Amino acid sequence: MLIRAGYDIAFTCEQPVPMLAHLSVHASRNKDLRTPQRLFTTPGVPIYDYVDSFGNICTRLAIPAGGLTLSCGFVIEDDFQPDPVAPEALQSSIEALPDDVMLYLLASRYCETDRLSVARQTG
């Protein structure tokens, strides 16, 4: 099935602001894009893409004083099948985890550990 997706995101700021945006389709899905995925900025500013250690496409730019709009539209194909799951996978205790996965347990702006611990305490 074909999916038409896109966005128009407007930012307003009083002074120039550097930005790192994660708005692109993951590189592993590029083969499924049926139209180009191009990011447009209004006003036009230089943009630079790089791929991080997780395979995410990261876009660097600077929002000028006054603001900026990011726009993109594309068509992607998807089979609408759920992601594979492994119900037989075992859960390991934290002390048994290898060192290289410990960084995924650290707090981040995406995982507000103070709120999670409150939720755990209050049920």
Protein backbone atom coordinates (compact mmCIF):
# COMPACT_ATOMS: atom_id res chain seq x y z
CA MET A 1 0.00 0.00 0.00
CA LEU A 2 1.18 3.52 -0.78
CA ILE A 3 1.27 6.13 1.97
CA ARG A 4 1.50 9.85 1.26
CA ALA A 5 3.26 11.57 4.15
CA GLY A 6 4.78 14.92 4.87
CA TYR A 7 4.93 17.91 7.15
CA ASP A 8 5.10 21.69 7.41
CA ILE A 9 6.70 22.72 10.69
CA ALA A 10 7.10 26.41 11.55
CA PHE A 11 9.54 27.78 14.13
CA THR A 12 9.65 31.34 15.44
CA CYS A 13 12.68 32.65 17.30
CA GLU A 14 14.17 36.01 18.20
CA GLN A 15 17.77 35.08 17.43
CA PRO A 16 19.52 32.47 15.26
CA VAL A 17 19.19 28.95 16.68
CA PRO A 18 21.21 25.87 15.62
CA MET A 19 19.02 22.83 15.01
CA LEU A 20 19.50 19.09 14.70
CA ALA A 21 16.39 17.54 13.16
CA HIS A 22 15.44 13.86 12.91
CA LEU A 23 12.67 14.10 10.32
CA SER A 24 13.79 11.72 7.57
CA VAL A 25 12.60 8.21 6.80
CA HIS A 26 15.09 5.74 8.28
CA ALA A 27 17.80 4.76 5.80
CA SER A 28 16.66 1.11 5.99
CA ARG A 29 13.36 2.18 4.35
CA ASN A 30 14.88 4.21 1.48
CA LYS A 31 14.17 1.32 -0.89
CA ASP A 32 10.45 1.77 -0.14
CA LEU A 33 10.32 5.47 -1.09
CA ARG A 34 8.33 5.95 -4.31
CA THR A 35 9.03 9.68 -4.58
CA PRO A 36 12.07 11.63 -3.43
CA GLN A 37 12.08 12.81 0.16
CA ARG A 38 13.39 16.38 -0.03
CA LEU A 39 13.47 18.84 2.83
CA PHE A 40 12.69 22.45 1.91
CA THR A 41 13.31 25.44 4.16
CA THR A 42 11.59 28.82 3.97
CA PRO A 43 13.56 31.01 3.93
CA GLY A 44 16.20 28.91 2.24
CA VAL A 45 19.12 28.07 4.53
CA PRO A 46 22.04 25.66 4.10
CA ILE A 47 21.30 22.16 5.40
CA TYR A 48 23.64 19.24 5.97
CA ASP A 49 22.68 15.58 6.50
CA TYR A 50 24.69 12.89 8.22
CA VAL A 51 23.91 9.37 9.44
CA ASP A 52 24.30 8.75 13.18
CA SER A 53 25.49 5.54 14.83
CA PHE A 54 21.90 4.18 14.86
CA GLY A 55 21.39 4.68 11.11
CA ASN A 56 19.17 7.75 11.56
CA ILE A 57 19.47 10.56 9.05
CA CYS A 58 20.18 13.75 11.01
CA THR A 59 19.76 17.18 9.44
CA ARG A 60 21.80 20.12 10.71
CA LEU A 61 20.75 23.69 10.01
CA ALA A 62 20.49 27.11 11.64
CA ILE A 63 17.13 28.80 12.10
CA PRO A 64 17.58 32.50 11.31
CA ALA A 65 16.23 35.24 13.58
CA GLY A 66 12.53 35.55 12.87
CA GLY A 67 11.96 31.89 12.14
CA LEU A 68 11.86 29.15 9.57
CA THR A 69 9.47 26.61 8.07
CA LEU A 70 10.54 23.03 7.28
CA SER A 71 8.49 21.29 4.59
CA CYS A 72 8.63 17.83 3.09
CA GLY A 73 6.31 15.47 1.25
CA PHE A 74 6.83 11.98 -0.10
CA VAL A 75 5.18 8.67 -0.95
CA ILE A 76 6.38 5.45 0.64
CA GLU A 77 5.24 1.86 0.14
CA ASP A 78 4.51 -0.38 3.11
CA ASP A 79 3.17 -3.94 3.39
CA PHE A 80 1.30 -3.12 6.63
CA GLN A 81 2.73 -6.19 8.33
CA PRO A 82 3.58 -5.83 12.02
CA ASP A 83 7.21 -5.68 13.04
CA PRO A 84 8.60 -9.11 13.91
CA VAL A 85 8.37 -10.07 17.57
CA ALA A 86 10.18 -12.75 19.53
CA PRO A 87 7.82 -13.97 22.26
CA GLU A 88 10.39 -16.59 23.22
CA ALA A 89 13.02 -13.91 23.98
CA LEU A 90 14.22 -13.98 27.55
CA GLN A 91 14.39 -10.96 29.84
CA SER A 92 17.81 -10.47 31.40
CA SER A 93 18.49 -8.87 34.74
CA ILE A 94 20.32 -5.55 34.55
CA GLU A 95 23.45 -7.00 36.15
CA ALA A 96 23.59 -9.67 33.41
CA LEU A 97 23.47 -7.19 30.52
CA PRO A 98 26.64 -6.67 28.45
CA ASP A 99 28.47 -3.37 28.90
CA ASP A 100 27.72 -2.12 25.38
CA VAL A 101 23.95 -1.99 25.99
CA MET A 102 24.07 -0.11 29.30
CA LEU A 103 23.87 3.26 27.52
CA TYR A 104 20.29 2.42 26.51
CA LEU A 105 19.29 2.44 30.19
CA LEU A 106 20.48 6.00 30.79
CA ALA A 107 18.04 8.84 31.21
CA SER A 108 17.35 10.99 28.17
CA ARG A 109 14.91 13.64 27.09
CA TYR A 110 12.88 10.81 25.51
CA CYS A 111 12.73 8.78 28.73
CA GLU A 112 11.87 10.93 31.72
CA THR A 113 13.09 8.62 34.45
CA ASP A 114 11.74 10.80 37.26
CA ARG A 115 8.23 10.42 35.87
CA LEU A 116 8.67 6.70 35.25
CA SER A 117 9.75 6.09 38.84
CA VAL A 118 6.77 8.10 40.15
CA ALA A 119 4.42 6.06 37.95
CA ARG A 120 5.97 2.85 39.24
CA GLN A 121 5.51 3.97 42.85
CA THR A 122 1.91 5.13 42.44
CA GLY A 123 0.79 2.35 40.15
